[in-house]
Amino acid sequence: MLSLQKKNTGKGIFTHLTGWLVKTKTLNNKIYFPEIAIVLYSLEREIWINSKYYLMKILYKYIVYVDLLLLF
């Protein structure tokens, strides 16, 4: 179902989720905001079901927005 791979980058942990990279804040190697990962996974599944191009644009904007939120 949902597979997560951790990558150490020195700036926290990047969660590789079905082809998308989402930056998350971490504490003791525990990933915060798992609901974001679940939402992104759901959106990616919809990409294959519905219009690929349109939802990819939405997903890209969502990832950038989430990334900005996690910086603070």
PDB file of N, CA and C in Angstrom:
ATOM      1  N   MET A   1       0.837  -1.199   0.000  1.00  0.00           N
ATOM      2  CA  MET A   1       0.000   0.000   0.000  1.00  0.00           C
ATOM      3  C   MET A   1       0.873   1.252   0.000  1.00  0.00           C
ATOM      4  N   LEU A   2       1.167   1.744   1.199  1.00  0.00           N
ATOM      5  CA  LEU A   2       1.888   3.011   1.316  1.00  0.00           C
ATOM      6  C   LEU A   2       3.333   2.731   1.691  1.00  0.00           C
ATOM      7  N   SER A   3       4.261   3.042   0.803  1.00  0.00           N
ATOM      8  CA  SER A   3       5.670   2.774   1.102  1.00  0.00           C
ATOM      9  C   SER A   3       6.415   4.086   1.287  1.00  0.00           C
ATOM     10  N   LEU A   4       7.177   4.186   2.362  1.00  0.00           N
ATOM     11  CA  LEU A   4       7.944   5.392   2.656  1.00  0.00           C
ATOM     12  C   LEU A   4       9.421   5.039   2.717  1.00  0.00           C
ATOM     13  N   GLN A   5      10.246   5.834   2.062  1.00  0.00           N
ATOM     14  CA  GLN A   5      11.684   5.634   2.135  1.00  0.00           C
ATOM     15  C   GLN A   5      12.302   6.896   2.722  1.00  0.00           C
ATOM     16  N   LYS A   6      13.196   6.740   3.710  1.00  0.00           N
ATOM     17  CA  LYS A   6      13.834   7.893   4.331  1.00  0.00           C
ATOM     18  C   LYS A   6      15.174   8.160   3.668  1.00  0.00           C
ATOM     19  N   LYS A   7      15.452   9.429   3.395  1.00  0.00           N
ATOM     20  CA  LYS A   7      16.741   9.817   2.834  1.00  0.00           C
ATOM     21  C   LYS A   7      17.346  10.884   3.738  1.00  0.00           C
ATOM     22  N   ASN A   8      18.550  10.634   4.229  1.00  0.00           N
ATOM     23  CA  ASN A   8      19.236  11.625   5.059  1.00  0.00           C
ATOM     24  C   ASN A   8      19.908  12.649   4.165  1.00  0.00           C
ATOM     25  N   THR A   9      19.550  13.925   4.327  1.00  0.00           N
ATOM     26  CA  THR A   9      20.098  14.975   3.481  1.00  0.00           C
ATOM     27  C   THR A   9      20.825  16.038   4.278  1.00  0.00           C
ATOM     28  N   GLY A  10      20.800  15.934   5.612  1.00  0.00           N
ATOM     29  CA  GLY A  10      21.419  16.960   6.434  1.00  0.00           C
ATOM     30  C   GLY A  10      20.458  18.088   6.748  1.00  0.00           C
ATOM     31  N   LYS A  11      19.352  18.166   6.042  1.00  0.00           N
ATOM     32  CA  LYS A  11      18.361  19.213   6.280  1.00  0.00           C
ATOM     33  C   LYS A  11      17.047  18.598   6.748  1.00  0.00           C
ATOM     34  N   GLY A  12      17.143  17.446   7.396  1.00  0.00           N
ATOM     35  CA  GLY A  12      15.930  16.749   7.798  1.00  0.00           C
ATOM     36  C   GLY A  12      15.766  15.514   6.933  1.00  0.00           C
ATOM     37  N   ILE A  13      14.617  14.920   6.984  1.00  0.00           N
ATOM     38  CA  ILE A  13      14.374  13.694   6.232  1.00  0.00           C
ATOM     39  C   ILE A  13      13.396  13.969   5.108  1.00  0.00           C
ATOM     40  N   PHE A  14      13.710  13.474   3.936  1.00  0.00           N
ATOM     41  CA  PHE A  14      12.794  13.580   2.804  1.00  0.00           C
ATOM     42  C   PHE A  14      12.033  12.277   2.680  1.00  0.00           C
ATOM     43  N   THR A  15      10.735  12.383   2.584  1.00  0.00           N
ATOM     44  CA  THR A  15       9.917  11.196   2.429  1.00  0.00           C
ATOM     45  C   THR A  15       9.624  10.993   0.960  1.00  0.00           C
ATOM     46  N   HIS A  16      10.068   9.860   0.430  1.00  0.00           N
ATOM     47  CA  HIS A  16       9.804   9.556  -0.972  1.00  0.00           C
ATOM     48  C   HIS A  16       8.491   8.796  -1.031  1.00  0.00           C
ATOM     49  N   LEU A  17       7.484   9.421  -1.587  1.00  0.00           N
ATOM     50  CA  LEU A  17       6.136   8.854  -1.550  1.00  0.00           C
ATOM     51  C   LEU A  17       5.611   8.716  -2.973  1.00  0.00           C
ATOM     52  N   THR A  18       5.609   7.515  -3.474  1.00  0.00           N
ATOM     53  CA  THR A  18       5.137   7.199  -4.825  1.00  0.00           C
ATOM     54  C   THR A  18       5.639   8.204  -5.860  1.00  0.00           C
ATOM     55  N   GLY A  19       6.927   8.510  -5.788  1.00  0.00           N
ATOM     56  CA  GLY A  19       7.539   9.351  -6.810  1.00  0.00           C
ATOM     57  C   GLY A  19       7.618  10.831  -6.466  1.00  0.00           C
ATOM     58  N   TRP A  20       7.028  11.266  -5.362  1.00  0.00           N
ATOM     59  CA  TRP A  20       7.056  12.678  -4.997  1.00  0.00           C
ATOM     60  C   TRP A  20       7.899  12.876  -3.751  1.00  0.00           C
ATOM     61  N   LEU A  21       8.611  13.995  -3.645  1.00  0.00           N
ATOM     62  CA  LEU A  21       9.416  14.291  -2.468  1.00  0.00           C
ATOM     63  C   LEU A  21       8.711  15.352  -1.624  1.00  0.00           C
ATOM     64  N   VAL A  22       8.538  15.030  -0.366  1.00  0.00           N
ATOM     65  CA  VAL A  22       7.882  15.963   0.550  1.00  0.00           C
ATOM     66  C   VAL A  22       8.804  16.188   1.741  1.00  0.00           C
ATOM     67  N   LYS A  23       9.187  17.433   1.999  1.00  0.00           N
ATOM     68  CA  LYS A  23      10.067  17.723   3.125  1.00  0.00           C
ATOM     69  C   LYS A  23       9.236  17.747   4.413  1.00  0.00           C
ATOM     70  N   THR A  24       9.693  17.031   5.423  1.00  0.00           N
ATOM     71  CA  THR A  24       8.974  16.998   6.685  1.00  0.00           C
ATOM     72  C   THR A  24       9.903  17.355   7.831  1.00  0.00           C
ATOM     73  N   LYS A  25       9.364  17.943   8.881  1.00  0.00           N
ATOM     74  CA  LYS A  25      10.128  18.179  10.096  1.00  0.00           C
ATOM     75  C   LYS A  25      10.203  16.867  10.869  1.00  0.00           C
ATOM     76  N   THR A  26      11.340  16.621  11.468  1.00  0.00           N
ATOM     77  CA  THR A  26      11.509  15.353  12.164  1.00  0.00           C
ATOM     78  C   THR A  26      12.019  15.573  13.575  1.00  0.00           C
ATOM     79  N   LEU A  27      11.746  14.609  14.437  1.00  0.00           N
ATOM     80  CA  LEU A  27      12.271  14.598  15.802  1.00  0.00           C
ATOM     81  C   LEU A  27      12.516  13.137  16.152  1.00  0.00           C
ATOM     82  N   ASN A  28      13.778  12.805  16.423  1.00  0.00           N
ATOM     83  CA  ASN A  28      14.152  11.411  16.720  1.00  0.00           C
ATOM     84  C   ASN A  28      13.754  10.475  15.586  1.00  0.00           C
ATOM     85  N   ASN A  29      13.943  10.927  14.356  1.00  0.00           N
ATOM     86  CA  ASN A  29      13.648  10.135  13.157  1.00  0.00           C
ATOM     87  C   ASN A  29      12.181   9.736  13.024  1.00  0.00           C
ATOM     88  N   LYS A  30      11.306  10.432  13.729  1.00  0.00           N
ATOM     89  CA  LYS A  30       9.873  10.189  13.542  1.00  0.00           C
ATOM     90  C   LYS A  30       9.332  11.256  12.611  1.00  0.00           C
ATOM     91  N   ILE A  31       8.557  10.843  11.626  1.00  0.00           N
ATOM     92  CA  ILE A  31       8.059  11.780  10.626  1.00  0.00           C
ATOM     93  C   ILE A  31       6.806  12.468  11.139  1.00  0.00           C
ATOM     94  N   TYR A  32       6.825  13.787  11.119  1.00  0.00           N
ATOM     95  CA  TYR A  32       5.650  14.576  11.489  1.00  0.00           C
ATOM     96  C   TYR A  32       4.715  14.698  10.290  1.00  0.00           C
ATOM     97  N   PHE A  33       3.518  15.137  10.523  1.00  0.00           N
ATOM     98  CA  PHE A  33       2.524  15.390   9.476  1.00  0.00           C
ATOM     99  C   PHE A  33       2.278  14.187   8.571  1.00  0.00           C
ATOM    100  N   PRO A  34       1.966  13.003   9.118  1.00  0.00           N
ATOM    101  CA  PRO A  34       1.677  11.859   8.248  1.00  0.00           C
ATOM    102  C   PRO A  34       0.431  12.074   7.399  1.00  0.00           C
ATOM    103  N   GLU A  35      -0.474  12.971   7.872  1.00  0.00           N
ATOM    104  CA  GLU A  35      -1.688  13.238   7.083  1.00  0.00           C
ATOM    105  C   GLU A  35      -1.336  13.870   5.738  1.00  0.00           C
ATOM    106  N   ILE A  36      -0.240  14.625   5.664  1.00  0.00           N
ATOM    107  CA  ILE A  36       0.188  15.208   4.389  1.00  0.00           C
ATOM    108  C   ILE A  36       0.579  14.093   3.429  1.00  0.00           C
ATOM    109  N   ALA A  37       1.305  13.102   3.941  1.00  0.00           N
ATOM    110  CA  ALA A  37       1.706  11.976   3.098  1.00  0.00           C
ATOM    111  C   ALA A  37       0.478  11.229   2.583  1.00  0.00           C
ATOM    112  N   ILE A  38      -0.508  11.055   3.441  1.00  0.00           N
ATOM    113  CA  ILE A  38      -1.724  10.342   3.033  1.00  0.00           C
ATOM    114  C   ILE A  38      -2.474  11.127   1.965  1.00  0.00           C
ATOM    115  N   VAL A  39      -2.567  12.455   2.140  1.00  0.00           N
ATOM    116  CA  VAL A  39      -3.258  13.294   1.147  1.00  0.00           C
ATOM    117  C   VAL A  39      -2.529  13.236  -0.188  1.00  0.00           C
ATOM    118  N   LEU A  40      -1.200  13.327  -0.157  1.00  0.00           N
ATOM    119  CA  LEU A  40      -0.430  13.273  -1.402  1.00  0.00           C
ATOM    120  C   LEU A  40      -0.589  11.918  -2.079  1.00  0.00           C
ATOM    121  N   TYR A  41      -0.631  10.856  -1.284  1.00  0.00           N
ATOM    122  CA  TYR A  41      -0.821   9.518  -1.852  1.00  0.00           C
ATOM    123  C   TYR A  41      -2.185   9.420  -2.529  1.00  0.00           C
ATOM    124  N   SER A  42      -3.205   9.977  -1.886  1.00  0.00           N
ATOM    125  CA  SER A  42      -4.552   9.960  -2.472  1.00  0.00           C
ATOM    126  C   SER A  42      -4.590  10.772  -3.764  1.00  0.00           C
ATOM    127  N   LEU A  43      -3.945  11.950  -3.760  1.00  0.00           N
ATOM    128  CA  LEU A  43      -3.922  12.777  -4.965  1.00  0.00           C
ATOM    129  C   LEU A  43      -3.204  12.065  -6.100  1.00  0.00           C
ATOM    130  N   GLU A  44      -2.108  11.374  -5.777  1.00  0.00           N
ATOM    131  CA  GLU A  44      -1.362  10.692  -6.835  1.00  0.00           C
ATOM    132  C   GLU A  44      -2.195   9.575  -7.447  1.00  0.00           C
ATOM    133  N   ARG A  45      -2.957   8.860  -6.633  1.00  0.00           N
ATOM    134  CA  ARG A  45      -3.817   7.802  -7.168  1.00  0.00           C
ATOM    135  C   ARG A  45      -4.858   8.402  -8.112  1.00  0.00           C
ATOM    136  N   GLU A  46      -5.347   9.595  -7.784  1.00  0.00           N
ATOM    137  CA  GLU A  46      -6.332  10.239  -8.644  1.00  0.00           C
ATOM    138  C   GLU A  46      -5.727  10.695  -9.961  1.00  0.00           C
ATOM    139  N   ILE A  47      -4.427  10.952  -9.979  1.00  0.00           N
ATOM    140  CA  ILE A  47      -3.775  11.362 -11.226  1.00  0.00           C
ATOM    141  C   ILE A  47      -3.969  10.288 -12.288  1.00  0.00           C
ATOM    142  N   TRP A  48      -3.844   9.019 -11.890  1.00  0.00           N
ATOM    143  CA  TRP A  48      -3.951   7.933 -12.868  1.00  0.00           C
ATOM    144  C   TRP A  48      -5.397   7.671 -13.242  1.00  0.00           C
ATOM    145  N   ILE A  49      -6.318   8.058 -12.356  1.00  0.00           N
ATOM    146  CA  ILE A  49      -7.738   7.805 -12.627  1.00  0.00           C
ATOM    147  C   ILE A  49      -8.328   8.931 -13.476  1.00  0.00           C
ATOM    148  N   ASN A  50      -7.957  10.162 -13.169  1.00  0.00           N
ATOM    149  CA  ASN A  50      -8.541  11.322 -13.850  1.00  0.00           C
ATOM    150  C   ASN A  50      -7.536  11.966 -14.803  1.00  0.00           C
ATOM    151  N   SER A  51      -7.595  13.280 -14.919  1.00  0.00           N
ATOM    152  CA  SER A  51      -6.718  14.005 -15.834  1.00  0.00           C
ATOM    153  C   SER A  51      -5.316  14.136 -15.239  1.00  0.00           C
ATOM    154  N   LYS A  52      -4.340  13.508 -15.875  1.00  0.00           N
ATOM    155  CA  LYS A  52      -2.978  13.488 -15.339  1.00  0.00           C
ATOM    156  C   LYS A  52      -2.357  14.882 -15.282  1.00  0.00           C
ATOM    157  N   TYR A  53      -2.407  15.617 -16.362  1.00  0.00           N
ATOM    158  CA  TYR A  53      -1.744  16.926 -16.424  1.00  0.00           C
ATOM    159  C   TYR A  53      -2.320  17.911 -15.404  1.00  0.00           C
ATOM    160  N   TYR A  54      -3.652  18.001 -15.337  1.00  0.00           N
ATOM    161  CA  TYR A  54      -4.309  18.963 -14.449  1.00  0.00           C
ATOM    162  C   TYR A  54      -3.973  18.695 -12.990  1.00  0.00           C
ATOM    163  N   LEU A  55      -4.074  17.441 -12.566  1.00  0.00           N
ATOM    164  CA  LEU A  55      -3.818  17.123 -11.165  1.00  0.00           C
ATOM    165  C   LEU A  55      -2.338  17.205 -10.816  1.00  0.00           C
ATOM    166  N   MET A  56      -1.460  16.987 -11.806  1.00  0.00           N
ATOM    167  CA  MET A  56      -0.036  17.139 -11.527  1.00  0.00           C
ATOM    168  C   MET A  56       0.278  18.601 -11.205  1.00  0.00           C
ATOM    169  N   LYS A  57      -0.399  19.539 -11.898  1.00  0.00           N
ATOM    170  CA  LYS A  57      -0.198  20.956 -11.593  1.00  0.00           C
ATOM    171  C   LYS A  57      -0.670  21.271 -10.178  1.00  0.00           C
ATOM    172  N   ILE A  58      -1.830  20.723  -9.799  1.00  0.00           N
ATOM    173  CA  ILE A  58      -2.350  20.944  -8.444  1.00  0.00           C
ATOM    174  C   ILE A  58      -1.380  20.357  -7.413  1.00  0.00           C
ATOM    175  N   LEU A  59      -0.903  19.141  -7.680  1.00  0.00           N
ATOM    176  CA  LEU A  59      -0.014  18.466  -6.736  1.00  0.00           C
ATOM    177  C   LEU A  59       1.288  19.231  -6.571  1.00  0.00           C
ATOM    178  N   TYR A  60       1.820  19.783  -7.669  1.00  0.00           N
ATOM    179  CA  TYR A  60       3.057  20.546  -7.595  1.00  0.00           C
ATOM    180  C   TYR A  60       2.871  21.783  -6.719  1.00  0.00           C
ATOM    181  N   LYS A  61       1.759  22.508  -6.925  1.00  0.00           N
ATOM    182  CA  LYS A  61       1.497  23.702  -6.115  1.00  0.00           C
ATOM    183  C   LYS A  61       1.309  23.333  -4.649  1.00  0.00           C
ATOM    184  N   TYR A  62       0.659  22.193  -4.399  1.00  0.00           N
ATOM    185  CA  TYR A  62       0.420  21.747  -3.022  1.00  0.00           C
ATOM    186  C   TYR A  62       1.735  21.435  -2.316  1.00  0.00           C
ATOM    187  N   ILE A  63       2.644  20.752  -3.022  1.00  0.00           N
ATOM    188  CA  ILE A  63       3.937  20.413  -2.432  1.00  0.00           C
ATOM    189  C   ILE A  63       4.734  21.674  -2.117  1.00  0.00           C
ATOM    190  N   VAL A  64       4.731  22.645  -3.028  1.00  0.00           N
ATOM    191  CA  VAL A  64       5.445  23.904  -2.788  1.00  0.00           C
ATOM    192  C   VAL A  64       4.842  24.629  -1.591  1.00  0.00           C
ATOM    193  N   TYR A  65       3.507  24.639  -1.481  1.00  0.00           N
ATOM    194  CA  TYR A  65       2.837  25.304  -0.364  1.00  0.00           C
ATOM    195  C   TYR A  65       3.182  24.629   0.956  1.00  0.00           C
ATOM    196  N   VAL A  66       3.133  23.314   0.983  1.00  0.00           N
ATOM    197  CA  VAL A  66       3.468  22.565   2.193  1.00  0.00           C
ATOM    198  C   VAL A  66       4.923  22.794   2.563  1.00  0.00           C
ATOM    199  N   ASP A  67       5.806  22.832   1.565  1.00  0.00           N
ATOM    200  CA  ASP A  67       7.223  23.059   1.803  1.00  0.00           C
ATOM    201  C   ASP A  67       7.442  24.418   2.462  1.00  0.00           C
ATOM    202  N   LEU A  68       6.728  25.428   2.012  1.00  0.00           N
ATOM    203  CA  LEU A  68       6.849  26.757   2.615  1.00  0.00           C
ATOM    204  C   LEU A  68       6.334  26.759   4.038  1.00  0.00           C
ATOM    205  N   LEU A  69       5.259  26.036   4.303  1.00  0.00           N
ATOM    206  CA  LEU A  69       4.717  25.966   5.658  1.00  0.00           C
ATOM    207  C   LEU A  69       5.705  25.305   6.614  1.00  0.00           C
ATOM    208  N   LEU A  70       6.410  24.289   6.135  1.00  0.00           N
ATOM    209  CA  LEU A  70       7.302  23.533   7.006  1.00  0.00           C
ATOM    210  C   LEU A  70       8.604  24.265   7.285  1.00  0.00           C
ATOM    211  N   LEU A  71       8.860  25.344   6.558  1.00  0.00           N
ATOM    212  CA  LEU A  71      10.090  26.100   6.798  1.00  0.00           C
ATOM    213  C   LEU A  71      10.023  26.892   8.096  1.00  0.00           C
ATOM    214  N   PHE A  72       8.811  27.187   8.563  1.00  0.00           N
ATOM    215  CA  PHE A  72       8.664  28.026   9.752  1.00  0.00           C
ATOM    216  C   PHE A  72       8.329  27.211  10.981  1.00  0.00           C
TER     217      PHE A  72
END
